[in-house]
């Protein structure tokens, strides 16, 4: 069973007015998200905070590190890079494990 109009702010109002009021309350609440008012509040978990800082760091860094590309290009042209594929693979794995 559903009783409509039982709340004081809904008595004597049309269904359309009630929907408009509900939308306005939702919008007002959305504006206050994260605020310290008595309304709703959002707290981010440590994982979400970490993810947020990682996204900010990535977005502020350049997409291509030109200095690294140039250094690799010089090593490739001089033959220092790419001669011994197994040695290169071992160095990459060692570097990744050292992180």
PDB file of N, CA and C in Angstrom:
ATOM      1  N   UNK A   1       0.840  -1.160   0.000  1.00  0.00           N
ATOM      2  CA  UNK A   1       0.000   0.000   0.000  1.00  0.00           C
ATOM      3  C   UNK A   1       0.894   1.234   0.000  1.00  0.00           C
ATOM      4  N   UNK A   2       0.545   2.221  -0.807  1.00  0.00           N
ATOM      5  CA  UNK A   2       1.319   3.440  -0.911  1.00  0.00           C
ATOM      6  C   UNK A   2       0.442   4.622  -0.527  1.00  0.00           C
ATOM      7  N   UNK A   3       0.938   5.420   0.408  1.00  0.00           N
ATOM      8  CA  UNK A   3       0.213   6.598   0.840  1.00  0.00           C
ATOM      9  C   UNK A   3       0.956   7.807   0.314  1.00  0.00           C
ATOM     10  N   UNK A   4       0.279   8.592  -0.490  1.00  0.00           N
ATOM     11  CA  UNK A   4       0.896   9.781  -1.045  1.00  0.00           C
ATOM     12  C   UNK A   4       0.449  11.001  -0.260  1.00  0.00           C
ATOM     13  N   UNK A   5       1.328  11.977  -0.180  1.00  0.00           N
ATOM     14  CA  UNK A   5       0.977  13.219   0.474  1.00  0.00           C
ATOM     15  C   UNK A   5       1.016  13.157   1.984  1.00  0.00           C
ATOM     16  N   UNK A   6       1.736  12.207   2.550  1.00  0.00           N
ATOM     17  CA  UNK A   6       1.781  12.071   3.997  1.00  0.00           C
ATOM     18  C   UNK A   6       2.851  12.953   4.628  1.00  0.00           C
ATOM     19  N   UNK A   7       3.764  13.450   3.821  1.00  0.00           N
ATOM     20  CA  UNK A   7       4.808  14.321   4.347  1.00  0.00           C
ATOM     21  C   UNK A   7       4.314  15.755   4.343  1.00  0.00           C
ATOM     22  N   UNK A   8       4.661  16.549   5.339  1.00  0.00           N
ATOM     23  CA  UNK A   8       4.162  17.926   5.433  1.00  0.00           C
ATOM     24  C   UNK A   8       4.466  18.774   4.210  1.00  0.00           C
ATOM     25  N   UNK A   9       5.611  18.570   3.582  1.00  0.00           N
ATOM     26  CA  UNK A   9       5.953  19.400   2.429  1.00  0.00           C
ATOM     27  C   UNK A   9       5.251  18.949   1.156  1.00  0.00           C
ATOM     28  N   UNK A  10       4.512  17.833   1.205  1.00  0.00           N
ATOM     29  CA  UNK A  10       3.840  17.323   0.023  1.00  0.00           C
ATOM     30  C   UNK A  10       2.327  17.458   0.096  1.00  0.00           C
ATOM     31  N   UNK A  11       1.796  17.865   1.199  1.00  0.00           N
ATOM     32  CA  UNK A  11       0.346  17.943   1.348  1.00  0.00           C
ATOM     33  C   UNK A  11      -0.194  19.042   0.449  1.00  0.00           C
ATOM     34  N   UNK A  12      -1.189  18.692  -0.336  1.00  0.00           N
ATOM     35  CA  UNK A  12      -1.851  19.660  -1.192  1.00  0.00           C
ATOM     36  C   UNK A  12      -1.061  20.046  -2.427  1.00  0.00           C
ATOM     37  N   UNK A  13      -0.008  19.307  -2.788  1.00  0.00           N
ATOM     38  CA  UNK A  13       0.762  19.637  -3.978  1.00  0.00           C
ATOM     39  C   UNK A  13       0.510  18.584  -5.042  1.00  0.00           C
ATOM     40  N   UNK A  14       0.642  18.995  -6.269  1.00  0.00           N
ATOM     41  CA  UNK A  14       0.420  18.068  -7.373  1.00  0.00           C
ATOM     42  C   UNK A  14       1.625  17.148  -7.520  1.00  0.00           C
ATOM     43  N   UNK A  15       1.423  16.090  -8.258  1.00  0.00           N
ATOM     44  CA  UNK A  15       2.497  15.124  -8.524  1.00  0.00           C
ATOM     45  C   UNK A  15       3.658  15.816  -9.243  1.00  0.00           C
ATOM     46  N   UNK A  16       3.338  16.707 -10.181  1.00  0.00           N
ATOM     47  CA  UNK A  16       4.368  17.419 -10.932  1.00  0.00           C
ATOM     48  C   UNK A  16       5.190  18.330 -10.014  1.00  0.00           C
ATOM     49  N   UNK A  17       4.528  19.012  -9.100  1.00  0.00           N
ATOM     50  CA  UNK A  17       5.212  19.891  -8.155  1.00  0.00           C
ATOM     51  C   UNK A  17       6.101  19.082  -7.230  1.00  0.00           C
ATOM     52  N   UNK A  18       5.614  17.911  -6.820  1.00  0.00           N
ATOM     53  CA  UNK A  18       6.404  17.041  -5.946  1.00  0.00           C
ATOM     54  C   UNK A  18       7.672  16.589  -6.655  1.00  0.00           C
ATOM     55  N   UNK A  19       7.569  16.248  -7.936  1.00  0.00           N
ATOM     56  CA  UNK A  19       8.744  15.815  -8.682  1.00  0.00           C
ATOM     57  C   UNK A  19       9.739  16.960  -8.841  1.00  0.00           C
ATOM     58  N   UNK A  20       9.244  18.157  -9.089  1.00  0.00           N
ATOM     59  CA  UNK A  20      10.110  19.328  -9.215  1.00  0.00           C
ATOM     60  C   UNK A  20      10.837  19.590  -7.905  1.00  0.00           C
ATOM     61  N   UNK A  21      10.114  19.493  -6.783  1.00  0.00           N
ATOM     62  CA  UNK A  21      10.725  19.713  -5.482  1.00  0.00           C
ATOM     63  C   UNK A  21      11.778  18.659  -5.185  1.00  0.00           C
ATOM     64  N   UNK A  22      11.483  17.412  -5.545  1.00  0.00           N
ATOM     65  CA  UNK A  22      12.454  16.335  -5.328  1.00  0.00           C
ATOM     66  C   UNK A  22      13.714  16.576  -6.156  1.00  0.00           C
ATOM     67  N   UNK A  23      13.550  17.009  -7.403  1.00  0.00           N
ATOM     68  CA  UNK A  23      14.696  17.300  -8.262  1.00  0.00           C
ATOM     69  C   UNK A  23      15.526  18.437  -7.682  1.00  0.00           C
ATOM     70  N   UNK A  24      14.855  19.481  -7.192  1.00  0.00           N
ATOM     71  CA  UNK A  24      15.567  20.614  -6.599  1.00  0.00           C
ATOM     72  C   UNK A  24      16.340  20.187  -5.354  1.00  0.00           C
ATOM     73  N   UNK A  25      15.744  19.327  -4.545  1.00  0.00           N
ATOM     74  CA  UNK A  25      16.444  18.838  -3.348  1.00  0.00           C
ATOM     75  C   UNK A  25      17.655  18.017  -3.741  1.00  0.00           C
ATOM     76  N   UNK A  26      17.528  17.176  -4.767  1.00  0.00           N
ATOM     77  CA  UNK A  26      18.644  16.364  -5.227  1.00  0.00           C
ATOM     78  C   UNK A  26      19.767  17.244  -5.751  1.00  0.00           C
ATOM     79  N   UNK A  27      19.427  18.253  -6.541  1.00  0.00           N
ATOM     80  CA  UNK A  27      20.445  19.152  -7.077  1.00  0.00           C
ATOM     81  C   UNK A  27      21.145  19.912  -5.961  1.00  0.00           C
ATOM     82  N   UNK A  28      20.387  20.367  -4.986  1.00  0.00           N
ATOM     83  CA  UNK A  28      20.986  21.091  -3.861  1.00  0.00           C
ATOM     84  C   UNK A  28      21.911  20.180  -3.072  1.00  0.00           C
ATOM     85  N   UNK A  29      21.513  18.929  -2.906  1.00  0.00           N
ATOM     86  CA  UNK A  29      22.346  17.973  -2.177  1.00  0.00           C
ATOM     87  C   UNK A  29      23.617  17.676  -2.963  1.00  0.00           C
ATOM     88  N   UNK A  30      23.513  17.548  -4.290  1.00  0.00           N
ATOM     89  CA  UNK A  30      24.682  17.278  -5.116  1.00  0.00           C
ATOM     90  C   UNK A  30      25.696  18.405  -5.031  1.00  0.00           C
ATOM     91  N   UNK A  31      25.238  19.634  -4.903  1.00  0.00           N
ATOM     92  CA  UNK A  31      26.139  20.771  -4.789  1.00  0.00           C
ATOM     93  C   UNK A  31      26.898  20.704  -3.468  1.00  0.00           C
ATOM     94  N   UNK A  32      26.276  20.146  -2.442  1.00  0.00           N
ATOM     95  CA  UNK A  32      26.886  20.113  -1.123  1.00  0.00           C
ATOM     96  C   UNK A  32      27.759  18.881  -0.881  1.00  0.00           C
ATOM     97  N   UNK A  33      27.885  17.998  -1.862  1.00  0.00           N
ATOM     98  CA  UNK A  33      28.690  16.795  -1.669  1.00  0.00           C
ATOM     99  C   UNK A  33      30.106  17.205  -1.305  1.00  0.00           C
ATOM    100  N   UNK A  34      30.621  16.654  -0.238  1.00  0.00           N
ATOM    101  CA  UNK A  34      31.956  16.978   0.226  1.00  0.00           C
ATOM    102  C   UNK A  34      31.963  18.161   1.174  1.00  0.00           C
ATOM    103  N   UNK A  35      30.869  18.850   1.312  1.00  0.00           N
ATOM    104  CA  UNK A  35      30.803  19.982   2.222  1.00  0.00           C
ATOM    105  C   UNK A  35      30.631  19.474   3.642  1.00  0.00           C
ATOM    106  N   UNK A  36      30.868  20.339   4.582  1.00  0.00           N
ATOM    107  CA  UNK A  36      30.747  19.923   5.975  1.00  0.00           C
ATOM    108  C   UNK A  36      29.399  20.318   6.551  1.00  0.00           C
ATOM    109  N   UNK A  37      28.415  20.520   5.702  1.00  0.00           N
ATOM    110  CA  UNK A  37      27.068  20.842   6.162  1.00  0.00           C
ATOM    111  C   UNK A  37      26.447  19.606   6.806  1.00  0.00           C
ATOM    112  N   UNK A  38      25.268  19.769   7.339  1.00  0.00           N
ATOM    113  CA  UNK A  38      24.601  18.645   7.984  1.00  0.00           C
ATOM    114  C   UNK A  38      24.073  17.642   6.972  1.00  0.00           C
ATOM    115  N   UNK A  39      24.132  17.972   5.699  1.00  0.00           N
ATOM    116  CA  UNK A  39      23.620  17.096   4.653  1.00  0.00           C
ATOM    117  C   UNK A  39      24.549  15.920   4.386  1.00  0.00           C
ATOM    118  N   UNK A  40      24.471  15.427   3.186  1.00  0.00           N
ATOM    119  CA  UNK A  40      25.287  14.286   2.782  1.00  0.00           C
ATOM    120  C   UNK A  40      26.761  14.660   2.755  1.00  0.00           C
ATOM    121  N   UNK A  41      27.600  13.640   2.909  1.00  0.00           N
ATOM    122  CA  UNK A  41      29.036  13.855   2.921  1.00  0.00           C
ATOM    123  C   UNK A  41      29.709  12.690   2.214  1.00  0.00           C
ATOM    124  N   UNK A  42      30.781  12.971   1.528  1.00  0.00           N
ATOM    125  CA  UNK A  42      31.518  11.932   0.811  1.00  0.00           C
ATOM    126  C   UNK A  42      32.926  11.857   1.363  1.00  0.00           C
ATOM    127  N   UNK A  43      33.371  10.650   1.672  1.00  0.00           N
ATOM    128  CA  UNK A  43      34.748  10.424   2.094  1.00  0.00           C
ATOM    129  C   UNK A  43      35.359   9.405   1.152  1.00  0.00           C
ATOM    130  N   UNK A  44      36.529   9.729   0.624  1.00  0.00           N
ATOM    131  CA  UNK A  44      37.212   8.814  -0.287  1.00  0.00           C
ATOM    132  C   UNK A  44      38.068   7.828   0.495  1.00  0.00           C
ATOM    133  N   UNK A  45      38.060   6.588   0.061  1.00  0.00           N
ATOM    134  CA  UNK A  45      38.902   5.580   0.693  1.00  0.00           C
ATOM    135  C   UNK A  45      40.359   5.879   0.363  1.00  0.00           C
ATOM    136  N   UNK A  46      41.264   5.220   1.062  1.00  0.00           N
ATOM    137  CA  UNK A  46      42.693   5.424   0.789  1.00  0.00           C
ATOM    138  C   UNK A  46      43.031   4.992  -0.636  1.00  0.00           C
ATOM    139  N   UNK A  47      42.400   3.907  -1.117  1.00  0.00           N
ATOM    140  CA  UNK A  47      42.646   3.463  -2.490  1.00  0.00           C
ATOM    141  C   UNK A  47      42.184   4.511  -3.495  1.00  0.00           C
ATOM    142  N   UNK A  48      41.025   5.102  -3.246  1.00  0.00           N
ATOM    143  CA  UNK A  48      40.509   6.129  -4.153  1.00  0.00           C
ATOM    144  C   UNK A  48      41.399   7.363  -4.123  1.00  0.00           C
ATOM    145  N   UNK A  49      41.912   7.723  -2.956  1.00  0.00           N
ATOM    146  CA  UNK A  49      42.817   8.864  -2.852  1.00  0.00           C
ATOM    147  C   UNK A  49      44.114   8.587  -3.599  1.00  0.00           C
ATOM    148  N   UNK A  50      44.626   7.362  -3.473  1.00  0.00           N
ATOM    149  CA  UNK A  50      45.842   6.979  -4.184  1.00  0.00           C
ATOM    150  C   UNK A  50      45.617   7.024  -5.691  1.00  0.00           C
ATOM    151  N   UNK A  51      44.481   6.500  -6.129  1.00  0.00           N
ATOM    152  CA  UNK A  51      44.168   6.511  -7.549  1.00  0.00           C
ATOM    153  C   UNK A  51      44.036   7.947  -8.056  1.00  0.00           C
ATOM    154  N   UNK A  52      43.419   8.813  -7.277  1.00  0.00           N
ATOM    155  CA  UNK A  52      43.272  10.209  -7.663  1.00  0.00           C
ATOM    156  C   UNK A  52      44.636  10.879  -7.821  1.00  0.00           C
ATOM    157  N   UNK A  53      45.534  10.636  -6.876  1.00  0.00           N
ATOM    158  CA  UNK A  53      46.867  11.247  -6.979  1.00  0.00           C
ATOM    159  C   UNK A  53      47.646  10.669  -8.154  1.00  0.00           C
ATOM    160  N   UNK A  54      47.456   9.379  -8.456  1.00  0.00           N
ATOM    161  CA  UNK A  54      48.141   8.775  -9.603  1.00  0.00           C
ATOM    162  C   UNK A  54      47.634   9.368 -10.912  1.00  0.00           C
ATOM    163  N   UNK A  55      46.330   9.563 -11.005  1.00  0.00           N
ATOM    164  CA  UNK A  55      45.756  10.155 -12.218  1.00  0.00           C
ATOM    165  C   UNK A  55      46.255  11.582 -12.395  1.00  0.00           C
ATOM    166  N   UNK A  56      46.331  12.337 -11.308  1.00  0.00           N
ATOM    167  CA  UNK A  56      46.838  13.713 -11.389  1.00  0.00           C
ATOM    168  C   UNK A  56      48.303  13.735 -11.823  1.00  0.00           C
ATOM    169  N   UNK A  57      49.102  12.807 -11.294  1.00  0.00           N
ATOM    170  CA  UNK A  57      50.519  12.755 -11.649  1.00  0.00           C
ATOM    171  C   UNK A  57      50.701  12.403 -13.122  1.00  0.00           C
ATOM    172  N   UNK A  58      49.926  11.458 -13.598  1.00  0.00           N
ATOM    173  CA  UNK A  58      50.033  11.049 -14.998  1.00  0.00           C
ATOM    174  C   UNK A  58      49.589  12.177 -15.919  1.00  0.00           C
ATOM    175  N   UNK A  59      48.519  12.855 -15.544  1.00  0.00           N
ATOM    176  CA  UNK A  59      48.020  13.917 -16.416  1.00  0.00           C
ATOM    177  C   UNK A  59      48.956  15.121 -16.451  1.00  0.00           C
ATOM    178  N   UNK A  60      49.765  15.309 -15.423  1.00  0.00           N
ATOM    179  CA  UNK A  60      50.679  16.449 -15.405  1.00  0.00           C
ATOM    180  C   UNK A  60      52.032  16.130 -16.035  1.00  0.00           C
ATOM    181  N   UNK A  61      52.319  14.861 -16.300  1.00  0.00           N
ATOM    182  CA  UNK A  61      53.602  14.497 -16.909  1.00  0.00           C
ATOM    183  C   UNK A  61      53.462  14.462 -18.435  1.00  0.00           C
ATOM    184  N   UNK A  62      54.564  14.685 -19.144  1.00  0.00           N
ATOM    185  CA  UNK A  62      54.489  14.649 -20.611  1.00  0.00           C
ATOM    186  C   UNK A  62      54.220  13.231 -21.099  1.00  0.00           C
ATOM    187  N   UNK A  63      53.543  13.136 -22.227  1.00  0.00           N
ATOM    188  CA  UNK A  63      53.203  11.819 -22.761  1.00  0.00           C
ATOM    189  C   UNK A  63      54.437  11.069 -23.247  1.00  0.00           C
ATOM    190  N   UNK A  64      55.347  11.781 -23.853  1.00  0.00           N
ATOM    191  CA  UNK A  64      56.560  11.154 -24.383  1.00  0.00           C
ATOM    192  C   UNK A  64      57.758  11.820 -23.718  1.00  0.00           C
ATOM    193  N   UNK A  65      58.594  10.996 -23.106  1.00  0.00           N
ATOM    194  CA  UNK A  65      59.822  11.528 -22.502  1.00  0.00           C
ATOM    195  C   UNK A  65      60.894  11.550 -23.572  1.00  0.00           C
ATOM    196  N   UNK A  66      61.008  12.684 -24.215  1.00  0.00           N
ATOM    197  CA  UNK A  66      61.889  12.823 -25.367  1.00  0.00           C
ATOM    198  C   UNK A  66      63.342  12.516 -25.031  1.00  0.00           C
ATOM    199  N   UNK A  67      63.795  12.854 -23.812  1.00  0.00           N
ATOM    200  CA  UNK A  67      65.183  12.584 -23.442  1.00  0.00           C
ATOM    201  C   UNK A  67      65.467  11.084 -23.419  1.00  0.00           C
ATOM    202  N   UNK A  68      64.516  10.289 -22.960  1.00  0.00           N
ATOM    203  CA  UNK A  68      64.689   8.834 -22.914  1.00  0.00           C
ATOM    204  C   UNK A  68      64.673   8.262 -24.335  1.00  0.00           C
ATOM    205  N   UNK A  69      63.811   8.789 -25.178  1.00  0.00           N
ATOM    206  CA  UNK A  69      63.734   8.322 -26.567  1.00  0.00           C
ATOM    207  C   UNK A  69      65.049   8.605 -27.287  1.00  0.00           C
ATOM    208  N   UNK A  70      65.578   9.788 -27.103  1.00  0.00           N
ATOM    209  CA  UNK A  70      66.848  10.143 -27.761  1.00  0.00           C
ATOM    210  C   UNK A  70      68.010   9.286 -27.254  1.00  0.00           C
ATOM    211  N   UNK A  71      68.043   9.034 -25.948  1.00  0.00           N
ATOM    212  CA  UNK A  71      69.114   8.195 -25.385  1.00  0.00           C
ATOM    213  C   UNK A  71      69.030   6.780 -25.951  1.00  0.00           C
ATOM    214  N   UNK A  72      67.817   6.227 -26.052  1.00  0.00           N
ATOM    215  CA  UNK A  72      67.648   4.879 -26.613  1.00  0.00           C
ATOM    216  C   UNK A  72      68.012   4.862 -28.094  1.00  0.00           C
ATOM    217  N   UNK A  73      67.643   5.921 -28.806  1.00  0.00           N
ATOM    218  CA  UNK A  73      67.969   6.001 -30.231  1.00  0.00           C
ATOM    219  C   UNK A  73      69.480   6.021 -30.437  1.00  0.00           C
ATOM    220  N   UNK A  74      70.215   6.793 -29.620  1.00  0.00           N
ATOM    221  CA  UNK A  74      71.682   6.839 -29.739  1.00  0.00           C
ATOM    222  C   UNK A  74      72.303   5.468 -29.448  1.00  0.00           C
ATOM    223  N   UNK A  75      71.787   4.791 -28.413  1.00  0.00           N
ATOM    224  CA  UNK A  75      72.329   3.468 -28.080  1.00  0.00           C
ATOM    225  C   UNK A  75      72.042   2.463 -29.192  1.00  0.00           C
ATOM    226  N   UNK A  76      70.886   2.563 -29.793  1.00  0.00           N
ATOM    227  CA  UNK A  76      70.525   1.658 -30.885  1.00  0.00           C
ATOM    228  C   UNK A  76      71.419   1.907 -32.099  1.00  0.00           C
ATOM    229  N   UNK A  77      71.656   3.181 -32.432  1.00  0.00           N
ATOM    230  CA  UNK A  77      72.501   3.526 -33.585  1.00  0.00           C
ATOM    231  C   UNK A  77      73.955   3.130 -33.362  1.00  0.00           C
ATOM    232  N   UNK A  78      74.426   3.219 -32.114  1.00  0.00           N
ATOM    233  CA  UNK A  78      75.819   2.874 -31.837  1.00  0.00           C
ATOM    234  C   UNK A  78      76.027   1.369 -31.712  1.00  0.00           C
ATOM    235  N   UNK A  79      74.945   0.616 -31.669  1.00  0.00           N
ATOM    236  CA  UNK A  79      75.050  -0.831 -31.535  1.00  0.00           C
ATOM    237  C   UNK A  79      75.102  -1.295 -30.091  1.00  0.00           C
ATOM    238  N   UNK A  80      75.072  -0.363 -29.176  1.00  0.00           N
ATOM    239  CA  UNK A  80      75.105  -0.718 -27.758  1.00  0.00           C
ATOM    240  C   UNK A  80      73.801  -1.397 -27.325  1.00  0.00           C
ATOM    241  N   UNK A  81      72.740  -1.047 -27.975  1.00  0.00           N
ATOM    242  CA  UNK A  81      71.424  -1.600 -27.649  1.00  0.00           C
ATOM    243  C   UNK A  81      70.991  -2.528 -28.771  1.00  0.00           C
ATOM    244  N   UNK A  82      70.537  -3.696 -28.420  1.00  0.00           N
ATOM    245  CA  UNK A  82      70.008  -4.609 -29.427  1.00  0.00           C
ATOM    246  C   UNK A  82      70.972  -5.669 -29.907  1.00  0.00           C
ATOM    247  N   UNK A  83      72.223  -5.615 -29.456  1.00  0.00           N
ATOM    248  CA  UNK A  83      73.179  -6.640 -29.889  1.00  0.00           C
ATOM    249  C   UNK A  83      72.848  -7.987 -29.277  1.00  0.00           C
ATOM    250  N   UNK A  84      72.649  -7.996 -27.987  1.00  0.00           N
ATOM    251  CA  UNK A  84      72.411  -9.241 -27.256  1.00  0.00           C
ATOM    252  C   UNK A  84      71.002  -9.188 -26.668  1.00  0.00           C
ATOM    253  N   UNK A  85      70.063  -9.799 -27.361  1.00  0.00           N
ATOM    254  CA  UNK A  85      68.658  -9.741 -26.977  1.00  0.00           C
ATOM    255  C   UNK A  85      68.431 -10.381 -25.601  1.00  0.00           C
ATOM    256  N   UNK A  86      69.106 -11.467 -25.314  1.00  0.00           N
ATOM    257  CA  UNK A  86      68.937 -12.133 -24.018  1.00  0.00           C
ATOM    258  C   UNK A  86      69.448 -11.250 -22.881  1.00  0.00           C
ATOM    259  N   UNK A  87      70.580 -10.596 -23.106  1.00  0.00           N
ATOM    260  CA  UNK A  87      71.125  -9.690 -22.095  1.00  0.00           C
ATOM    261  C   UNK A  87      70.165  -8.524 -21.865  1.00  0.00           C
ATOM    262  N   UNK A  88      69.611  -8.004 -22.933  1.00  0.00           N
ATOM    263  CA  UNK A  88      68.650  -6.917 -22.821  1.00  0.00           C
ATOM    264  C   UNK A  88      67.418  -7.355 -22.029  1.00  0.00           C
ATOM    265  N   UNK A  89      66.907  -8.535 -22.324  1.00  0.00           N
ATOM    266  CA  UNK A  89      65.746  -9.049 -21.606  1.00  0.00           C
ATOM    267  C   UNK A  89      66.052  -9.220 -20.110  1.00  0.00           C
ATOM    268  N   UNK A  90      67.239  -9.728 -19.808  1.00  0.00           N
ATOM    269  CA  UNK A  90      67.643  -9.886 -18.399  1.00  0.00           C
ATOM    270  C   UNK A  90      67.707  -8.534 -17.693  1.00  0.00           C
ATOM    271  N   UNK A  91      68.258  -7.530 -18.358  1.00  0.00           N
ATOM    272  CA  UNK A  91      68.349  -6.188 -17.756  1.00  0.00           C
ATOM    273  C   UNK A  91      66.974  -5.582 -17.517  1.00  0.00           C
ATOM    274  N   UNK A  92      66.072  -5.779 -18.464  1.00  0.00           N
ATOM    275  CA  UNK A  92      64.703  -5.252 -18.301  1.00  0.00           C
ATOM    276  C   UNK A  92      64.021  -5.922 -17.123  1.00  0.00           C
ATOM    277  N   UNK A  93      64.156  -7.240 -17.018  1.00  0.00           N
ATOM    278  CA  UNK A  93      63.536  -7.980 -15.914  1.00  0.00           C
ATOM    279  C   UNK A  93      64.149  -7.548 -14.579  1.00  0.00           C
ATOM    280  N   UNK A  94      65.477  -7.422 -14.533  1.00  0.00           N
ATOM    281  CA  UNK A  94      66.144  -6.988 -13.296  1.00  0.00           C
ATOM    282  C   UNK A  94      65.669  -5.591 -12.879  1.00  0.00           C
ATOM    283  N   UNK A  95      65.522  -4.701 -13.865  1.00  0.00           N
ATOM    284  CA  UNK A  95      65.062  -3.346 -13.576  1.00  0.00           C
ATOM    285  C   UNK A  95      63.638  -3.354 -13.011  1.00  0.00           C
ATOM    286  N   UNK A  96      62.778  -4.156 -13.594  1.00  0.00           N
ATOM    287  CA  UNK A  96      61.394  -4.218 -13.133  1.00  0.00           C
ATOM    288  C   UNK A  96      61.284  -4.847 -11.736  1.00  0.00           C
ATOM    289  N   UNK A  97      62.125  -5.825 -11.467  1.00  0.00           N
ATOM    290  CA  UNK A  97      62.097  -6.459 -10.150  1.00  0.00           C
ATOM    291  C   UNK A  97      62.669  -5.554  -9.057  1.00  0.00           C
ATOM    292  N   UNK A  98      63.558  -4.656  -9.438  1.00  0.00           N
ATOM    293  CA  UNK A  98      64.178  -3.753  -8.468  1.00  0.00           C
ATOM    294  C   UNK A  98      63.235  -2.656  -7.996  1.00  0.00           C
ATOM    295  N   UNK A  99      62.150  -2.450  -8.681  1.00  0.00           N
ATOM    296  CA  UNK A  99      61.201  -1.390  -8.295  1.00  0.00           C
ATOM    297  C   UNK A  99      60.591  -1.653  -6.997  1.00  0.00           C
TER     298      UNK A  99
END
